[in-house]
Structure formats: structure tokens, C-alpha cells
């Protein structure tokens, strides 16, 4: 569902990125899971959006608190019902944005919770793009602001369709109720935000400090590649620190130390990417652990912490290549 990048095409023995979001193991995980990725047949026309009916939120009423939602009363609307429960004042969500959110989903008439991110302790990052998320989310969240709590009742037409989602116990006739706490919204032009840090070491690559959404330059010096990992701030943000078990949403660009040739870039694809630090090469996981959200980080990865003698097939990366990345940490999930 998400395009696989070279970054996550790791050698055998390392885990590749999950299709939608990343769980931190089974502890506290909801018994069922149905993250709002789109069914294969998602092609419904735009819905009419109404403001109800919606079941009451009976507990956990603060932003980013796990909510408890009553069963739906009576027949749900055949239209998409959307209500801003708490209005935020952050950036406005636009189509094709990556929305970072905590959420809970349950079935209208039974009140059965089929998924929630609060118990997993891992936020969701999904693009509001047709074919990658259910239409109820795509239409219901556009125009909302980061920092908002949004409640939605999504009929099957704009949910999982007539086929439902049997794995999560969702029938093709079920209307779904969601509470979504929008943490942030990002697009292909999102960049680091913070203070520039001096790049004084002439033996290390120099990274551009532009924050206009364009790919920063990487100038590799005419020097021997370092044998140990380098992970330096280029721009230091003021967000929370990334932990070794966390997942992140990023912009990045990678070049080879030898020759400086670019081999992978979210900027070129025009699409952000998210991943768990447990599911990428060691140079990434070690290099980003402890760094702050909002930062741009230069990472130089020696072969022993990269792909070594087993590079991704069909890529520009050769055996025993030293890799150079610039990484903008947009959000911690």
C-alpha cells in the first residue's frame, strides 16, 4: 500500500516496514485491528457531510485521552457525519497530507471497539490520499486543524464497502464510529524547523539548511569515509526526543560517499515515509535515537551498520558502500 523505498529494502535478517503504522509489540494492543487503510475497491463518490447523529463520548474527553464512546442510538445517517469536538489551532489538513493522529474506532450498533492507537502507544501516520485510506477519513478530516478532536460516523460506502473487514469483525453493513485526535499534518514540502548548527568538520559532508521543502544539498568532501557512525544535527529542533523503540515520519535523501550519487529520496518521490527504528538498518536506528523531532540530521553510515556486502538488488548501492543521509524528523509516532 505504501511504496517501498530503498531505505527499508533491508537485507535478510532485518524486518521490513509494516504496511500501515507500527505496533510496539503486543502489550496493550487492541484485540482487533483495522487501521483505516483503504479497501482495494475504494472508489465511492464524494459524500454529503452532515453533523450527526453521533454517539456521546462519555469518558476521556480531553484531547489525546483515550475516549470511551457510547453505542449508537437508532439508525445512523446514510451520509458521512463529522463533528469537531475540540477545535485546534494548528495547520489545516489538506488532501494528500500525512496526518499523524491517535484514534479509536468502534461499530455503531454494538459499540465494539475494533481498534485504537492509544493502547498501542503508537500514533498513526497515513496519507489522506485516495486508495490509501478509507474515504470517510479522507473527506472527514480535510479542512480540520492540527490539535483538533474529530468524531465521525462512517457508513459502509465510505468505509470498508460491502466486503467489510472480516479480520476485525466489521460487516459490510456496519457504520463505523471514529474519534480522531489530530496531532499534526504534513506534506511533501514539510521540512525541519529549528536552529542551524555549525558544520565545522571539513572531513564530513555539508548539508544544505534550506527549509522550503526542496531537497537539501549534500556535498561530500574529498576525504576518506569515516569508519564509525556519524549522526550530527544540521538543524536542531525543539521537539521530543526519539527513542530506540519509536517510529518516525521523515523526509530524507541518501547519496553514496564515493561519487556523491543520489540513490534514494522522499523529495524526488514527493511522498513522506514512516518507519519503526527497529525495522531499518542499524545506522538509521542508532543515528536517530535521541535526536529531537523537528531536526535535520546528517547520518554517515559505514558498511558494517548499513548494507555491508548485501546491498538492495537493483539499487545504486554497491557492496561495502558508505552511505550519507540527510533526514528531517517531522514527527514521532
Protein backbone atom coordinates (compact mmCIF):
# COMPACT_ATOMS: atom_id res chain seq x y z
CA UNK A 1 0.00 0.00 0.00
CA UNK A 2 2.91 2.34 0.68
CA UNK A 3 5.73 2.44 -1.84
CA UNK A 4 8.72 0.54 -0.50
CA UNK A 5 11.83 2.71 -0.52
CA UNK A 6 15.44 1.59 -0.65
CA UNK A 7 15.75 2.59 2.98
CA UNK A 8 13.54 -0.30 4.06
CA UNK A 9 14.66 -2.84 1.48
CA UNK A 10 16.94 -4.29 4.11
CA UNK A 11 18.97 -7.48 3.89
CA UNK A 12 17.63 -10.80 5.14
CA UNK A 13 17.53 -10.93 8.93
CA UNK A 14 16.13 -7.41 9.33
CA UNK A 15 12.41 -6.72 9.40
CA UNK A 16 10.84 -4.58 6.69
CA UNK A 17 8.26 -1.86 7.25
CA UNK A 18 4.68 -2.86 8.05
CA UNK A 19 2.05 -1.70 5.59
CA UNK A 20 0.19 0.69 7.89
CA UNK A 21 1.64 2.07 11.12
CA UNK A 22 3.86 0.18 13.51
CA UNK A 23 2.94 -1.68 16.66
CA UNK A 24 5.27 -1.79 19.63
CA UNK A 25 4.71 -5.43 20.29
CA UNK A 26 1.52 -6.99 21.63
CA UNK A 27 1.49 -5.36 25.05
CA UNK A 28 -1.64 -3.27 25.43
CA UNK A 29 -2.64 -3.79 21.84
CA UNK A 30 -6.33 -3.81 20.99
CA UNK A 31 -7.70 -7.31 20.47
CA UNK A 32 -8.69 -6.49 16.90
CA UNK A 33 -7.02 -4.20 14.40
CA UNK A 34 -8.49 -2.35 11.44
CA UNK A 35 -6.42 0.72 10.81
CA UNK A 36 -8.26 2.93 8.31
CA UNK A 37 -6.30 1.95 5.24
CA UNK A 38 -8.44 1.83 2.13
CA UNK A 39 -10.04 -1.36 0.81
CA UNK A 40 -8.99 -2.34 -2.68
CA UNK A 41 -12.37 -1.33 -4.12
CA UNK A 42 -12.41 2.20 -2.65
CA UNK A 43 -13.94 4.38 -5.39
CA UNK A 44 -17.00 5.98 -3.82
CA UNK A 45 -18.23 9.41 -4.98
CA UNK A 46 -17.80 12.35 -2.59
CA UNK A 47 -20.20 12.07 0.35
CA UNK A 48 -22.61 14.61 1.73
CA UNK A 49 -21.21 15.65 5.11
CA UNK A 50 -23.65 16.20 7.98
CA UNK A 51 -23.15 16.96 11.68
CA UNK A 52 -24.97 13.97 13.17
CA UNK A 53 -26.23 11.80 14.63
CA UNK A 54 -23.13 10.80 16.61
CA UNK A 55 -22.93 8.76 19.84
CA UNK A 56 -21.79 10.53 23.00
CA UNK A 57 -18.20 10.49 24.22
CA UNK A 58 -18.73 9.50 27.85
CA UNK A 59 -15.16 9.48 29.21
CA UNK A 60 -11.67 10.52 28.11
CA UNK A 61 -12.99 13.84 26.85
CA UNK A 62 -9.68 15.69 26.73
CA UNK A 63 -7.53 15.90 23.62
CA UNK A 64 -5.26 12.86 23.27
CA UNK A 65 -7.03 10.98 26.09
CA UNK A 66 -8.35 7.55 25.14
CA UNK A 67 -12.09 8.14 24.72
CA UNK A 68 -14.98 5.94 25.71
CA UNK A 69 -17.88 6.20 23.27
CA UNK A 70 -21.49 5.11 23.83
CA UNK A 71 -23.28 2.78 21.42
CA UNK A 72 -25.05 4.48 18.57
CA UNK A 73 -28.74 5.16 19.20
CA UNK A 74 -31.21 4.42 16.45
CA UNK A 75 -30.28 4.30 12.78
CA UNK A 76 -27.08 6.03 11.72
CA UNK A 77 -27.08 8.57 8.93
CA UNK A 78 -26.54 7.30 5.41
CA UNK A 79 -24.34 10.35 4.95
CA UNK A 80 -20.91 10.96 6.46
CA UNK A 81 -21.41 12.53 9.90
CA UNK A 82 -18.49 14.69 11.10
CA UNK A 83 -18.15 16.86 14.20
CA UNK A 84 -15.22 18.85 15.56
CA UNK A 85 -15.38 18.02 19.27
CA UNK A 86 -12.28 20.04 20.20
CA UNK A 87 -11.07 22.75 17.83
CA UNK A 88 -7.31 23.02 17.39
CA UNK A 89 -5.36 25.97 16.04
CA UNK A 90 -2.59 24.22 14.13
CA UNK A 91 -2.01 23.74 10.42
CA UNK A 92 -5.07 22.95 8.31
CA UNK A 93 -5.31 19.41 6.95
CA UNK A 94 -5.29 19.20 3.15
CA UNK A 95 -5.83 16.34 0.72
CA UNK A 96 -2.75 14.12 0.31
CA UNK A 97 -1.32 15.33 3.62
CA UNK A 98 0.14 12.81 6.03
CA UNK A 99 -1.97 13.06 9.17
CA UNK A 100 -0.40 11.99 12.46
CA UNK A 101 -3.12 11.02 14.90
CA UNK A 102 -4.32 8.93 17.79
CA UNK A 103 -7.69 7.36 17.20
CA UNK A 104 -10.32 4.89 18.34
CA UNK A 105 -12.74 3.04 16.08
CA UNK A 106 -15.88 1.11 17.03
CA UNK A 107 -19.00 -0.30 15.43
CA UNK A 108 -22.15 1.86 15.62
CA UNK A 109 -24.78 -0.54 16.87
CA UNK A 110 -22.69 -2.84 19.09
CA UNK A 111 -20.19 -0.33 20.46
CA UNK A 112 -17.45 -2.91 19.86
CA UNK A 113 -14.02 -1.27 19.70
CA UNK A 114 -12.18 -2.84 16.76
CA UNK A 115 -9.03 -0.75 17.00
CA UNK A 116 -7.39 2.05 18.95
CA UNK A 117 -3.91 3.52 18.85
CA UNK A 118 -3.96 4.77 22.44
CA UNK A 119 -3.40 1.31 23.90
CA UNK A 120 -0.59 0.62 21.45
CA UNK A 121 1.21 3.78 22.47
CA UNK A 122 1.97 4.47 18.80
CA UNK A 123 0.31 7.17 16.75
CA UNK A 124 -0.83 6.56 13.20
CA UNK A 125 0.61 8.30 10.15
CA UNK A 126 -1.38 7.82 6.97
CA UNK A 127 -1.73 9.92 3.80
CA UNK A 128 -5.16 11.34 3.02
CA UNK A 129 -4.82 10.01 -0.49
CA UNK A 130 -7.44 8.14 -2.47
CA UNK A 131 -6.72 4.44 -2.39
CA UNK A 132 -4.57 4.61 0.73
CA UNK A 133 -7.13 5.47 3.39
CA UNK A 134 -10.88 4.96 3.73
CA UNK A 135 -12.85 7.77 2.14
CA UNK A 136 -14.58 8.62 5.40
CA UNK A 137 -11.24 9.77 6.81
CA UNK A 138 -10.15 11.40 3.56
CA UNK A 139 -13.26 13.57 3.33
CA UNK A 140 -13.92 13.96 7.05
CA UNK A 141 -10.51 15.28 8.10
CA UNK A 142 -9.75 17.67 5.25
CA UNK A 143 -10.12 21.24 6.46
CA UNK A 144 -9.66 20.37 10.13
CA UNK A 145 -6.77 21.83 12.10
CA UNK A 146 -3.98 20.08 13.96
CA UNK A 147 -4.82 19.94 17.65
CA UNK A 148 -8.44 19.06 16.93
CA UNK A 149 -10.51 16.11 18.10
CA UNK A 150 -12.81 14.97 15.32
CA UNK A 151 -15.62 12.45 15.64
CA UNK A 152 -17.02 10.69 12.60
CA UNK A 153 -19.72 8.15 11.77
CA UNK A 154 -18.70 6.46 8.52
CA UNK A 155 -21.27 4.42 6.54
CA UNK A 156 -20.00 1.37 4.63
CA UNK A 157 -19.92 3.29 1.33
CA UNK A 158 -17.09 5.47 2.66
CA UNK A 159 -15.62 2.82 4.94
CA UNK A 160 -14.73 -0.75 4.02
CA UNK A 161 -17.53 -1.18 1.50
CA UNK A 162 -19.79 -4.19 1.10
CA UNK A 163 -16.95 -6.58 1.85
CA UNK A 164 -16.34 -5.09 5.32
CA UNK A 165 -13.22 -6.12 7.18
CA UNK A 166 -13.79 -9.69 8.42
CA UNK A 167 -10.46 -9.85 10.26
CA UNK A 168 -11.64 -7.07 12.57
CA UNK A 169 -15.24 -8.28 12.78
CA UNK A 170 -16.58 -5.48 10.58
CA UNK A 171 -19.52 -6.46 8.35
CA UNK A 172 -20.32 -4.83 5.03
CA UNK A 173 -23.39 -3.21 6.61
CA UNK A 174 -21.62 -1.70 9.62
CA UNK A 175 -21.40 2.04 10.18
CA UNK A 176 -18.14 2.85 11.95
CA UNK A 177 -17.59 5.47 14.63
CA UNK A 178 -14.17 7.10 14.93
CA UNK A 179 -12.68 9.57 17.36
CA UNK A 180 -9.52 11.08 15.89
CA UNK A 181 -7.06 13.32 17.76
CA UNK A 182 -5.12 15.10 15.01
CA UNK A 183 -1.58 15.56 16.33
CA UNK A 184 -0.14 17.10 13.19
CA UNK A 185 -0.40 17.24 9.44
CA UNK A 186 2.50 17.18 6.97
CA UNK A 187 3.01 17.20 3.23
CA UNK A 188 5.73 16.61 0.68
CA UNK A 189 7.11 20.13 1.31
CA UNK A 190 7.41 19.75 5.08
CA UNK A 191 10.88 20.43 6.47
CA UNK A 192 12.81 20.61 9.69
CA UNK A 193 12.20 23.59 11.96
CA UNK A 194 14.80 24.77 14.42
CA UNK A 195 18.20 26.38 14.86
CA UNK A 196 21.07 25.84 12.46
CA UNK A 197 24.08 24.04 13.91
CA UNK A 198 27.61 24.81 12.71
CA UNK A 199 29.08 22.23 10.33
CA UNK A 200 32.75 22.78 11.11
CA UNK A 201 34.32 19.42 10.32
CA UNK A 202 35.77 19.71 6.81
CA UNK A 203 36.14 15.93 6.61
CA UNK A 204 32.37 15.40 6.82
CA UNK A 205 29.65 16.11 4.24
CA UNK A 206 28.00 19.51 4.37
CA UNK A 207 24.19 19.56 4.19
CA UNK A 208 22.03 22.43 2.96
CA UNK A 209 19.92 24.24 5.55
CA UNK A 210 17.03 25.32 3.31
CA UNK A 211 13.57 24.71 4.80
CA UNK A 212 11.48 25.41 1.71
CA UNK A 213 10.51 21.79 1.18
CA UNK A 214 13.10 21.24 -1.53
CA UNK A 215 15.74 18.56 -1.10
CA UNK A 216 18.79 19.91 0.74
CA UNK A 217 22.14 19.61 -0.97
CA UNK A 218 24.75 17.14 0.27
CA UNK A 219 28.39 17.96 -0.54
CA UNK A 220 30.66 15.00 0.15
CA UNK A 221 34.27 16.02 0.87
CA UNK A 222 37.33 14.69 -0.93
CA UNK A 223 38.36 12.69 2.13
CA UNK A 224 38.35 9.16 3.44
CA UNK A 225 34.97 7.91 4.64
CA UNK A 226 34.66 7.64 8.43
CA UNK A 227 34.78 4.11 9.80
CA UNK A 228 32.33 4.87 12.60
CA UNK A 229 28.76 6.19 12.55
CA UNK A 230 28.26 9.94 12.30
CA UNK A 231 24.92 11.45 13.40
CA UNK A 232 25.08 15.22 13.72
CA UNK A 233 22.45 17.93 13.89
CA UNK A 234 22.30 20.24 10.88
CA UNK A 235 19.17 21.92 12.21
CA UNK A 236 18.25 21.22 15.84
CA UNK A 237 14.54 21.16 16.56
CA UNK A 238 12.87 21.56 19.93
CA UNK A 239 10.50 18.57 19.85
CA UNK A 240 10.52 15.42 21.94
CA UNK A 241 13.43 13.02 21.65
CA UNK A 242 13.10 9.89 19.54
CA UNK A 243 13.50 6.62 21.45
CA UNK A 244 15.09 3.43 20.16
CA UNK A 245 11.68 1.71 20.03
CA UNK A 246 9.83 4.59 18.36
CA UNK A 247 8.52 5.09 14.86
CA UNK A 248 9.05 8.34 12.96
CA UNK A 249 7.69 10.27 9.99
CA UNK A 250 10.51 11.71 7.89
CA UNK A 251 11.80 13.40 4.78
CA UNK A 252 15.17 12.09 3.65
CA UNK A 253 17.72 11.91 0.88
CA UNK A 254 20.57 9.46 0.51
CA UNK A 255 23.79 9.66 -1.52
CA UNK A 256 26.87 7.48 -1.83
CA UNK A 257 30.06 8.70 -0.17
CA UNK A 258 32.01 7.60 -3.24
CA UNK A 259 30.97 9.98 -6.00
CA UNK A 260 28.05 11.60 -4.13
CA UNK A 261 25.42 9.98 -6.37
CA UNK A 262 21.85 10.11 -5.05
CA UNK A 263 20.22 6.69 -4.67
CA UNK A 264 17.00 7.43 -2.78
CA UNK A 265 14.89 10.45 -1.85
CA UNK A 266 11.43 11.13 -0.50
CA UNK A 267 11.70 14.57 -2.11
CA UNK A 268 12.05 13.05 -5.56
CA UNK A 269 9.09 10.72 -4.94
CA UNK A 270 7.02 13.55 -3.49
CA UNK A 271 5.96 11.30 -0.62
CA UNK A 272 6.92 11.18 3.03
CA UNK A 273 7.70 7.88 4.71
CA UNK A 274 7.29 6.44 8.19
CA UNK A 275 9.01 3.50 9.83
CA UNK A 276 10.00 1.94 13.12
CA UNK A 277 13.60 2.35 14.21
CA UNK A 278 13.52 -1.40 14.84
CA UNK A 279 12.88 -2.08 11.17
CA UNK A 280 15.71 -0.26 9.40
CA UNK A 281 19.46 -0.59 9.05
CA UNK A 282 21.41 -0.11 12.28
CA UNK A 283 22.95 3.16 11.14
CA UNK A 284 19.50 4.72 10.94
CA UNK A 285 18.23 3.31 14.22
CA UNK A 286 21.36 4.30 16.13
CA UNK A 287 21.72 7.64 14.37
CA UNK A 288 18.19 8.86 15.02
CA UNK A 289 17.82 7.56 18.59
CA UNK A 290 17.98 10.51 20.97
CA UNK A 291 17.50 13.13 18.26
CA UNK A 292 14.71 15.72 18.59
CA UNK A 293 11.59 15.99 16.47
CA UNK A 294 11.85 18.95 14.10
CA UNK A 295 15.54 18.36 13.44
CA UNK A 296 17.60 17.77 10.32
CA UNK A 297 20.29 15.17 10.92
CA UNK A 298 23.35 14.24 8.89
CA UNK A 299 23.92 10.49 9.12
CA UNK A 300 27.03 8.85 7.66
CA UNK A 301 26.70 5.08 7.79
CA UNK A 302 29.73 2.79 7.44
CA UNK A 303 29.11 -0.54 5.69
CA UNK A 304 29.00 -2.51 8.96
CA UNK A 305 25.94 -0.50 10.05
CA UNK A 306 24.38 -0.30 6.59
CA UNK A 307 24.06 -2.94 3.90
CA UNK A 308 27.57 -4.37 4.12
CA UNK A 309 28.12 -6.94 1.40
CA UNK A 310 24.38 -7.44 0.79
CA UNK A 311 23.02 -4.23 -0.81
CA UNK A 312 19.46 -3.97 -2.14
CA UNK A 313 19.13 -5.59 -5.55
CA UNK A 314 18.72 -3.19 -8.43
CA UNK A 315 19.90 -0.16 -6.46
CA UNK A 316 22.87 2.14 -6.95
CA UNK A 317 24.35 0.85 -3.70
CA UNK A 318 27.35 -1.44 -4.14
CA UNK A 319 28.94 -3.80 -1.65
CA UNK A 320 30.64 -2.14 1.31
CA UNK A 321 29.30 1.30 0.44
CA UNK A 322 29.38 4.17 2.94
CA UNK A 323 26.02 5.92 2.84
CA UNK A 324 25.26 9.58 3.54
CA UNK A 325 21.78 10.74 4.51
CA UNK A 326 20.08 13.96 5.41
CA UNK A 327 16.98 13.21 7.49
CA UNK A 328 14.28 15.63 8.62
CA UNK A 329 12.41 14.19 11.63
CA UNK A 330 8.87 15.52 11.18
CA UNK A 331 7.04 13.56 13.87
CA UNK A 332 7.41 10.79 16.41
CA UNK A 333 4.66 8.20 16.16
